[in-house]
Amino acid sequence: MQKLEEERSCLYYITEYIEGRSLAQWILDNPEPNLSKIRDLTAQIIMGLRAFQRREMVHQDIKPENIMIDQHDNIKIIDFGSTQVAGLKEIYTPIQKQSSAMQGTANYIAPELFEGFEGSFRSDLYSLGVTIYEMLSGGKFPYGKLEKAQAHKNYDYRSVRQYNNNVPIWMDGAIQKAVHPDRHQRYDSFSEFQHDLSTPNPDFMKTSLPLIERHPLAFWRSVSAILLLTNFFLLALLLT
């Protein structure tokens, strides 16, 4: 008796089972992270993104939820649903292009993607910079929390040192460059960014910090003196 073949209706793929936790969970579990640990995790993420770059691929959805840490602290990048692959985008139909044009999460998407430009390694670099910022700040974002409708309007960088003063000024400068709204102002390679995260770049040391960060004791002494003089002035007015 001839066996009838069923019509194929599903596509399956097999992925590695990773026993561990997401980077998002790691951030929750480490509100005061060690800088050396962050550099180690970042180096592994960059290794993965450079592998993407060599194969002319752009992940386009790098964020803590899509980065897994196994039991041995090895990094695994997951979820390739938004990945752009050179040579494949030309065969998309107009409907597919429209549906895939704006993928990813607003807080991590590079500004040029909102403007309709094609993704590049600099787009993943931007997302990585936001992710590192989030790791250092305990869940904050360099431009505040964005919604898709207005994400392209609010690019006023907030120093990560506002949330973690253990971060060196030059490391903050490296992150700020990585998440620059203009893709041409970002790093030319992942390796340059990785270097500046661990080695002081003199260009970032020139940044002028407010007095409260440069000399916090002097700042509060000045505030106290002003308040004291104000009290004396008000008291004198009451006595006259």
C-alpha atoms as a PDB file:
ATOM      1  CA  MET A   1       0.000   0.000   0.000  1.00  0.00           C
ATOM      2  CA  GLN A   2       1.453   3.358  -1.077  1.00  0.00           C
ATOM      3  CA  LYS A   3       2.165   5.822   1.753  1.00  0.00           C
ATOM      4  CA  LEU A   4       0.703   9.264   1.197  1.00  0.00           C
ATOM      5  CA  GLU A   5       3.023  12.196   1.885  1.00  0.00           C
ATOM      6  CA  GLU A   6       1.549  14.966   3.989  1.00  0.00           C
ATOM      7  CA  GLU A   7       1.815  18.494   2.707  1.00  0.00           C
ATOM      8  CA  ARG A   8       4.598  20.359   4.458  1.00  0.00           C
ATOM      9  CA  SER A   9       3.257  23.353   6.363  1.00  0.00           C
ATOM     10  CA  CYS A  10       5.962  24.172   8.921  1.00  0.00           C
ATOM     11  CA  LEU A  11       9.648  25.062   8.946  1.00  0.00           C
ATOM     12  CA  TYR A  12      11.733  23.855  11.870  1.00  0.00           C
ATOM     13  CA  TYR A  13      15.216  24.750  12.977  1.00  0.00           C
ATOM     14  CA  ILE A  14      17.377  23.444  15.810  1.00  0.00           C
ATOM     15  CA  THR A  15      19.252  25.705  18.208  1.00  0.00           C
ATOM     16  CA  GLU A  16      21.628  25.125  21.059  1.00  0.00           C
ATOM     17  CA  TYR A  17      20.119  24.779  24.529  1.00  0.00           C
ATOM     18  CA  ILE A  18      21.817  27.297  26.811  1.00  0.00           C
ATOM     19  CA  GLU A  19      21.618  26.705  30.534  1.00  0.00           C
ATOM     20  CA  GLY A  20      22.130  30.071  32.150  1.00  0.00           C
ATOM     21  CA  ARG A  21      20.531  33.502  32.328  1.00  0.00           C
ATOM     22  CA  SER A  22      20.042  36.486  30.075  1.00  0.00           C
ATOM     23  CA  LEU A  23      22.150  39.593  30.376  1.00  0.00           C
ATOM     24  CA  ALA A  24      18.938  41.388  31.384  1.00  0.00           C
ATOM     25  CA  GLN A  25      18.715  39.119  34.441  1.00  0.00           C
ATOM     26  CA  TRP A  26      22.437  39.606  35.086  1.00  0.00           C
ATOM     27  CA  ILE A  27      21.877  43.375  35.240  1.00  0.00           C
ATOM     28  CA  LEU A  28      19.142  42.880  37.843  1.00  0.00           C
ATOM     29  CA  ASP A  29      21.386  40.557  39.844  1.00  0.00           C
ATOM     30  CA  ASN A  30      24.358  42.971  39.726  1.00  0.00           C
ATOM     31  CA  PRO A  31      23.203  46.501  40.619  1.00  0.00           C
ATOM     32  CA  GLU A  32      26.809  47.469  41.469  1.00  0.00           C
ATOM     33  CA  PRO A  33      28.788  45.667  38.752  1.00  0.00           C
ATOM     34  CA  ASN A  34      32.532  45.182  38.671  1.00  0.00           C
ATOM     35  CA  LEU A  35      34.111  47.119  35.787  1.00  0.00           C
ATOM     36  CA  SER A  36      36.523  44.309  34.970  1.00  0.00           C
ATOM     37  CA  LYS A  37      33.623  41.870  34.693  1.00  0.00           C
ATOM     38  CA  ILE A  38      31.772  44.206  32.353  1.00  0.00           C
ATOM     39  CA  ARG A  39      34.866  44.532  30.164  1.00  0.00           C
ATOM     40  CA  ASP A  40      35.177  40.742  30.032  1.00  0.00           C
ATOM     41  CA  LEU A  41      31.542  40.259  29.014  1.00  0.00           C
ATOM     42  CA  THR A  42      31.827  43.094  26.491  1.00  0.00           C
ATOM     43  CA  ALA A  43      34.917  41.525  24.916  1.00  0.00           C
ATOM     44  CA  GLN A  44      32.947  38.325  24.320  1.00  0.00           C
ATOM     45  CA  ILE A  45      29.993  40.193  22.821  1.00  0.00           C
ATOM     46  CA  ILE A  46      32.359  42.066  20.503  1.00  0.00           C
ATOM     47  CA  MET A  47      33.932  38.769  19.452  1.00  0.00           C
ATOM     48  CA  GLY A  48      30.484  37.582  18.387  1.00  0.00           C
ATOM     49  CA  LEU A  49      29.631  40.827  16.578  1.00  0.00           C
ATOM     50  CA  ARG A  50      32.931  40.743  14.701  1.00  0.00           C
ATOM     51  CA  ALA A  51      32.012  37.248  13.514  1.00  0.00           C
ATOM     52  CA  PHE A  52      28.746  38.735  12.196  1.00  0.00           C
ATOM     53  CA  GLN A  53      30.673  41.521  10.482  1.00  0.00           C
ATOM     54  CA  ARG A  54      33.054  39.108   8.751  1.00  0.00           C
ATOM     55  CA  ARG A  55      30.038  37.337   7.261  1.00  0.00           C
ATOM     56  CA  GLU A  56      28.435  40.621   6.178  1.00  0.00           C
ATOM     57  CA  MET A  57      25.634  40.269   8.693  1.00  0.00           C
ATOM     58  CA  VAL A  58      24.054  42.858  10.983  1.00  0.00           C
ATOM     59  CA  HIS A  59      22.184  41.516  14.013  1.00  0.00           C
ATOM     60  CA  GLN A  60      19.998  44.651  14.381  1.00  0.00           C
ATOM     61  CA  ASP A  61      18.505  43.610  17.723  1.00  0.00           C
ATOM     62  CA  ILE A  62      21.386  43.567  20.212  1.00  0.00           C
ATOM     63  CA  LYS A  63      19.978  44.058  23.710  1.00  0.00           C
ATOM     64  CA  PRO A  64      20.339  42.352  27.128  1.00  0.00           C
ATOM     65  CA  GLU A  65      17.394  40.019  26.443  1.00  0.00           C
ATOM     66  CA  ASN A  66      19.189  38.656  23.368  1.00  0.00           C
ATOM     67  CA  ILE A  67      22.478  37.936  25.120  1.00  0.00           C
ATOM     68  CA  MET A  68      22.774  34.791  27.218  1.00  0.00           C
ATOM     69  CA  ILE A  69      25.410  33.982  29.855  1.00  0.00           C
ATOM     70  CA  ASP A  70      25.936  30.281  30.484  1.00  0.00           C
ATOM     71  CA  GLN A  71      27.086  28.618  33.712  1.00  0.00           C
ATOM     72  CA  HIS A  72      30.732  29.221  32.796  1.00  0.00           C
ATOM     73  CA  ASP A  73      30.174  32.934  32.067  1.00  0.00           C
ATOM     74  CA  ASN A  74      30.417  32.375  28.319  1.00  0.00           C
ATOM     75  CA  ILE A  75      28.412  34.783  26.177  1.00  0.00           C
ATOM     76  CA  LYS A  76      25.954  33.588  23.543  1.00  0.00           C
ATOM     77  CA  ILE A  77      24.168  35.983  21.169  1.00  0.00           C
ATOM     78  CA  ILE A  78      20.669  34.758  20.334  1.00  0.00           C
ATOM     79  CA  ASP A  79      17.548  35.693  18.316  1.00  0.00           C
ATOM     80  CA  PHE A  80      18.520  36.239  14.691  1.00  0.00           C
ATOM     81  CA  GLY A  81      14.991  37.189  13.639  1.00  0.00           C
ATOM     82  CA  SER A  82      16.002  40.732  12.697  1.00  0.00           C
ATOM     83  CA  THR A  83      19.419  39.869  11.274  1.00  0.00           C
ATOM     84  CA  GLN A  84      20.294  41.469   7.954  1.00  0.00           C
ATOM     85  CA  VAL A  85      22.310  39.223   5.643  1.00  0.00           C
ATOM     86  CA  ALA A  86      24.111  40.614   2.616  1.00  0.00           C
ATOM     87  CA  GLY A  87      22.764  39.125  -0.601  1.00  0.00           C
ATOM     88  CA  LEU A  88      19.423  38.071   0.857  1.00  0.00           C
ATOM     89  CA  LYS A  89      17.776  41.466   1.175  1.00  0.00           C
ATOM     90  CA  GLU A  90      17.742  41.816  -2.629  1.00  0.00           C
ATOM     91  CA  ILE A  91      15.311  38.898  -2.948  1.00  0.00           C
ATOM     92  CA  TYR A  92      12.757  40.279  -0.489  1.00  0.00           C
ATOM     93  CA  THR A  93       9.374  41.187  -1.894  1.00  0.00           C
ATOM     94  CA  PRO A  94       8.142  44.791  -1.315  1.00  0.00           C
ATOM     95  CA  ILE A  95       5.802  43.490   1.423  1.00  0.00           C
ATOM     96  CA  GLN A  96       8.654  41.697   3.191  1.00  0.00           C
ATOM     97  CA  LYS A  97      10.827  44.801   2.979  1.00  0.00           C
ATOM     98  CA  GLN A  98       8.105  46.938   4.526  1.00  0.00           C
ATOM     99  CA  SER A  99       7.462  44.478   7.361  1.00  0.00           C
ATOM    100  CA  SER A 100      11.164  44.029   8.177  1.00  0.00           C
ATOM    101  CA  ALA A 101      12.229  47.645   7.811  1.00  0.00           C
ATOM    102  CA  MET A 102      11.732  48.566  11.449  1.00  0.00           C
ATOM    103  CA  GLN A 103      12.667  45.701  13.706  1.00  0.00           C
ATOM    104  CA  GLY A 104      14.326  45.742  17.088  1.00  0.00           C
ATOM    105  CA  THR A 105      13.580  47.614  20.309  1.00  0.00           C
ATOM    106  CA  ALA A 106      13.304  51.406  20.395  1.00  0.00           C
ATOM    107  CA  ASN A 107      15.809  51.995  23.199  1.00  0.00           C
ATOM    108  CA  TYR A 108      18.512  50.044  21.368  1.00  0.00           C
ATOM    109  CA  ILE A 109      17.839  50.887  17.715  1.00  0.00           C
ATOM    110  CA  ALA A 110      20.406  53.135  16.041  1.00  0.00           C
ATOM    111  CA  PRO A 111      18.942  56.483  14.873  1.00  0.00           C
ATOM    112  CA  GLU A 112      19.797  55.884  11.209  1.00  0.00           C
ATOM    113  CA  LEU A 113      17.440  52.899  11.139  1.00  0.00           C
ATOM    114  CA  PHE A 114      14.566  55.171  12.185  1.00  0.00           C
ATOM    115  CA  GLU A 115      15.519  57.405   9.271  1.00  0.00           C
ATOM    116  CA  GLY A 116      15.340  54.549   6.780  1.00  0.00           C
ATOM    117  CA  PHE A 117      19.069  53.967   6.268  1.00  0.00           C
ATOM    118  CA  GLU A 118      20.425  50.454   5.885  1.00  0.00           C
ATOM    119  CA  GLY A 119      21.924  48.825   8.960  1.00  0.00           C
ATOM    120  CA  SER A 120      25.675  48.375   9.319  1.00  0.00           C
ATOM    121  CA  PHE A 121      28.135  47.238  11.973  1.00  0.00           C
ATOM    122  CA  ARG A 122      27.845  50.762  13.382  1.00  0.00           C
ATOM    123  CA  SER A 123      24.169  50.052  14.067  1.00  0.00           C
ATOM    124  CA  ASP A 124      25.160  47.038  16.172  1.00  0.00           C
ATOM    125  CA  LEU A 125      27.889  49.150  17.781  1.00  0.00           C
ATOM    126  CA  TYR A 126      25.240  51.664  18.867  1.00  0.00           C
ATOM    127  CA  SER A 127      23.102  48.892  20.380  1.00  0.00           C
ATOM    128  CA  LEU A 128      26.148  47.468  22.153  1.00  0.00           C
ATOM    129  CA  GLY A 129      26.969  50.888  23.599  1.00  0.00           C
ATOM    130  CA  VAL A 130      23.429  51.220  24.962  1.00  0.00           C
ATOM    131  CA  THR A 131      23.679  47.722  26.441  1.00  0.00           C
ATOM    132  CA  ILE A 132      26.970  48.511  28.210  1.00  0.00           C
ATOM    133  CA  TYR A 133      25.476  51.766  29.510  1.00  0.00           C
ATOM    134  CA  GLU A 134      22.567  49.776  30.910  1.00  0.00           C
ATOM    135  CA  MET A 135      24.953  47.321  32.588  1.00  0.00           C
ATOM    136  CA  LEU A 136      26.858  50.158  34.255  1.00  0.00           C
ATOM    137  CA  SER A 137      23.833  52.221  35.282  1.00  0.00           C
ATOM    138  CA  GLY A 138      21.610  49.458  36.623  1.00  0.00           C
ATOM    139  CA  GLY A 139      19.039  49.602  33.848  1.00  0.00           C
ATOM    140  CA  LYS A 140      19.120  53.224  32.659  1.00  0.00           C
ATOM    141  CA  PHE A 141      19.512  54.429  29.056  1.00  0.00           C
ATOM    142  CA  PRO A 142      21.853  57.076  27.601  1.00  0.00           C
ATOM    143  CA  TYR A 143      18.974  59.099  26.133  1.00  0.00           C
ATOM    144  CA  GLY A 144      16.298  58.153  28.626  1.00  0.00           C
ATOM    145  CA  LYS A 145      13.551  55.652  27.879  1.00  0.00           C
ATOM    146  CA  LEU A 146      12.362  56.065  24.304  1.00  0.00           C
ATOM    147  CA  GLU A 147       9.130  55.210  22.566  1.00  0.00           C
ATOM    148  CA  LYS A 148       9.154  54.352  18.875  1.00  0.00           C
ATOM    149  CA  ALA A 149       7.070  57.366  17.882  1.00  0.00           C
ATOM    150  CA  GLN A 150       9.555  59.861  19.282  1.00  0.00           C
ATOM    151  CA  ALA A 151      12.769  57.881  19.527  1.00  0.00           C
ATOM    152  CA  HIS A 152      14.465  59.891  16.781  1.00  0.00           C
ATOM    153  CA  LYS A 153      13.875  63.211  18.568  1.00  0.00           C
ATOM    154  CA  ASN A 154      15.500  62.756  21.976  1.00  0.00           C
ATOM    155  CA  TYR A 155      19.268  62.466  21.674  1.00  0.00           C
ATOM    156  CA  ASP A 156      20.660  64.383  24.638  1.00  0.00           C
ATOM    157  CA  TYR A 157      23.314  62.127  26.165  1.00  0.00           C
ATOM    158  CA  ARG A 158      23.178  61.636  29.936  1.00  0.00           C
ATOM    159  CA  SER A 159      26.529  60.717  31.458  1.00  0.00           C
ATOM    160  CA  VAL A 160      26.529  57.231  32.952  1.00  0.00           C
ATOM    161  CA  ARG A 161      28.489  58.746  35.842  1.00  0.00           C
ATOM    162  CA  GLN A 162      25.211  60.235  37.059  1.00  0.00           C
ATOM    163  CA  TYR A 163      24.239  56.697  38.067  1.00  0.00           C
ATOM    164  CA  ASN A 164      27.660  55.152  38.734  1.00  0.00           C
ATOM    165  CA  ASN A 165      30.518  57.441  39.732  1.00  0.00           C
ATOM    166  CA  ASN A 166      32.927  54.487  39.686  1.00  0.00           C
ATOM    167  CA  VAL A 167      32.926  54.714  35.897  1.00  0.00           C
ATOM    168  CA  PRO A 168      36.041  56.648  34.740  1.00  0.00           C
ATOM    169  CA  ILE A 169      35.391  59.754  32.675  1.00  0.00           C
ATOM    170  CA  TRP A 170      37.277  58.279  29.715  1.00  0.00           C
ATOM    171  CA  MET A 171      35.138  55.129  29.787  1.00  0.00           C
ATOM    172  CA  ASP A 172      32.013  57.276  29.793  1.00  0.00           C
ATOM    173  CA  GLY A 173      33.478  59.150  26.819  1.00  0.00           C
ATOM    174  CA  ALA A 174      33.991  55.905  24.919  1.00  0.00           C
ATOM    175  CA  ILE A 175      30.371  54.896  25.478  1.00  0.00           C
ATOM    176  CA  GLN A 176      29.140  58.332  24.430  1.00  0.00           C
ATOM    177  CA  LYS A 177      31.063  58.023  21.152  1.00  0.00           C
ATOM    178  CA  ALA A 178      29.683  54.524  20.532  1.00  0.00           C
ATOM    179  CA  VAL A 179      26.079  55.761  20.901  1.00  0.00           C
ATOM    180  CA  HIS A 180      26.558  58.988  18.942  1.00  0.00           C
ATOM    181  CA  PRO A 181      23.355  59.815  16.980  1.00  0.00           C
ATOM    182  CA  ASP A 182      25.443  60.363  13.841  1.00  0.00           C
ATOM    183  CA  ARG A 183      26.758  56.981  12.710  1.00  0.00           C
ATOM    184  CA  HIS A 184      29.769  58.639  11.075  1.00  0.00           C
ATOM    185  CA  GLN A 185      30.854  59.976  14.482  1.00  0.00           C
ATOM    186  CA  ARG A 186      30.981  56.509  16.041  1.00  0.00           C
ATOM    187  CA  TYR A 187      33.974  54.191  16.091  1.00  0.00           C
ATOM    188  CA  ASP A 188      35.374  52.816  12.845  1.00  0.00           C
ATOM    189  CA  SER A 189      35.744  49.346  14.365  1.00  0.00           C
ATOM    190  CA  PHE A 190      34.685  47.278  17.348  1.00  0.00           C
ATOM    191  CA  SER A 191      38.345  46.853  18.341  1.00  0.00           C
ATOM    192  CA  GLU A 192      38.802  50.635  18.750  1.00  0.00           C
ATOM    193  CA  PHE A 193      35.798  50.776  21.048  1.00  0.00           C
ATOM    194  CA  GLN A 194      37.033  47.804  23.059  1.00  0.00           C
ATOM    195  CA  HIS A 195      40.437  49.457  23.456  1.00  0.00           C
ATOM    196  CA  ASP A 196      38.937  52.720  24.720  1.00  0.00           C
ATOM    197  CA  LEU A 197      36.826  50.861  27.279  1.00  0.00           C
ATOM    198  CA  SER A 198      39.972  49.624  29.022  1.00  0.00           C
ATOM    199  CA  THR A 199      42.616  52.232  28.154  1.00  0.00           C
ATOM    200  CA  PRO A 200      42.250  55.982  28.888  1.00  0.00           C
ATOM    201  CA  ASN A 201      41.857  57.966  25.686  1.00  0.00           C
ATOM    202  CA  PRO A 202      43.357  61.475  26.163  1.00  0.00           C
ATOM    203  CA  ASP A 203      40.616  62.950  23.967  1.00  0.00           C
ATOM    204  CA  PHE A 204      38.018  61.987  26.556  1.00  0.00           C
ATOM    205  CA  MET A 205      40.051  63.366  29.459  1.00  0.00           C
ATOM    206  CA  LYS A 206      39.592  66.907  28.150  1.00  0.00           C
ATOM    207  CA  THR A 207      35.876  66.894  28.851  1.00  0.00           C
ATOM    208  CA  SER A 208      34.910  69.614  31.292  1.00  0.00           C
ATOM    209  CA  LEU A 209      33.013  68.186  34.246  1.00  0.00           C
ATOM    210  CA  PRO A 210      30.730  70.193  36.523  1.00  0.00           C
ATOM    211  CA  LEU A 211      32.197  71.226  39.891  1.00  0.00           C
ATOM    212  CA  ILE A 212      30.070  68.673  41.763  1.00  0.00           C
ATOM    213  CA  GLU A 213      31.904  65.863  39.901  1.00  0.00           C
ATOM    214  CA  ARG A 214      35.366  67.423  39.817  1.00  0.00           C
ATOM    215  CA  HIS A 215      35.409  68.537  43.461  1.00  0.00           C
ATOM    216  CA  PRO A 216      32.279  67.316  45.289  1.00  0.00           C
ATOM    217  CA  LEU A 217      33.564  68.453  48.708  1.00  0.00           C
ATOM    218  CA  ALA A 218      34.285  71.956  47.439  1.00  0.00           C
ATOM    219  CA  PHE A 219      30.862  72.038  45.775  1.00  0.00           C
ATOM    220  CA  TRP A 220      28.956  71.207  48.964  1.00  0.00           C
ATOM    221  CA  ARG A 221      31.088  73.573  51.031  1.00  0.00           C
ATOM    222  CA  SER A 222      30.210  76.358  48.596  1.00  0.00           C
ATOM    223  CA  VAL A 223      26.506  75.477  48.762  1.00  0.00           C
ATOM    224  CA  SER A 224      26.629  75.425  52.575  1.00  0.00           C
ATOM    225  CA  ALA A 225      28.377  78.805  52.668  1.00  0.00           C
ATOM    226  CA  ILE A 226      25.792  80.342  50.341  1.00  0.00           C
ATOM    227  CA  LEU A 227      22.936  78.951  52.428  1.00  0.00           C
ATOM    228  CA  LEU A 228      24.540  80.246  55.623  1.00  0.00           C
ATOM    229  CA  LEU A 229      24.959  83.738  54.163  1.00  0.00           C
ATOM    230  CA  THR A 230      21.368  83.646  52.935  1.00  0.00           C
ATOM    231  CA  ASN A 231      20.144  82.769  56.424  1.00  0.00           C
ATOM    232  CA  PHE A 232      22.142  85.639  57.938  1.00  0.00           C
ATOM    233  CA  PHE A 233      20.694  88.017  55.355  1.00  0.00           C
ATOM    234  CA  LEU A 234      17.115  86.900  56.057  1.00  0.00           C
ATOM    235  CA  LEU A 235      17.680  87.122  59.791  1.00  0.00           C
ATOM    236  CA  ALA A 236      19.007  90.664  59.421  1.00  0.00           C
ATOM    237  CA  LEU A 237      15.908  91.641  57.462  1.00  0.00           C
ATOM    238  CA  LEU A 238      13.675  90.278  60.215  1.00  0.00           C
ATOM    239  CA  LEU A 239      15.525  92.205  62.921  1.00  0.00           C
ATOM    240  CA  THR A 240      15.347  95.576  61.129  1.00  0.00           C
END
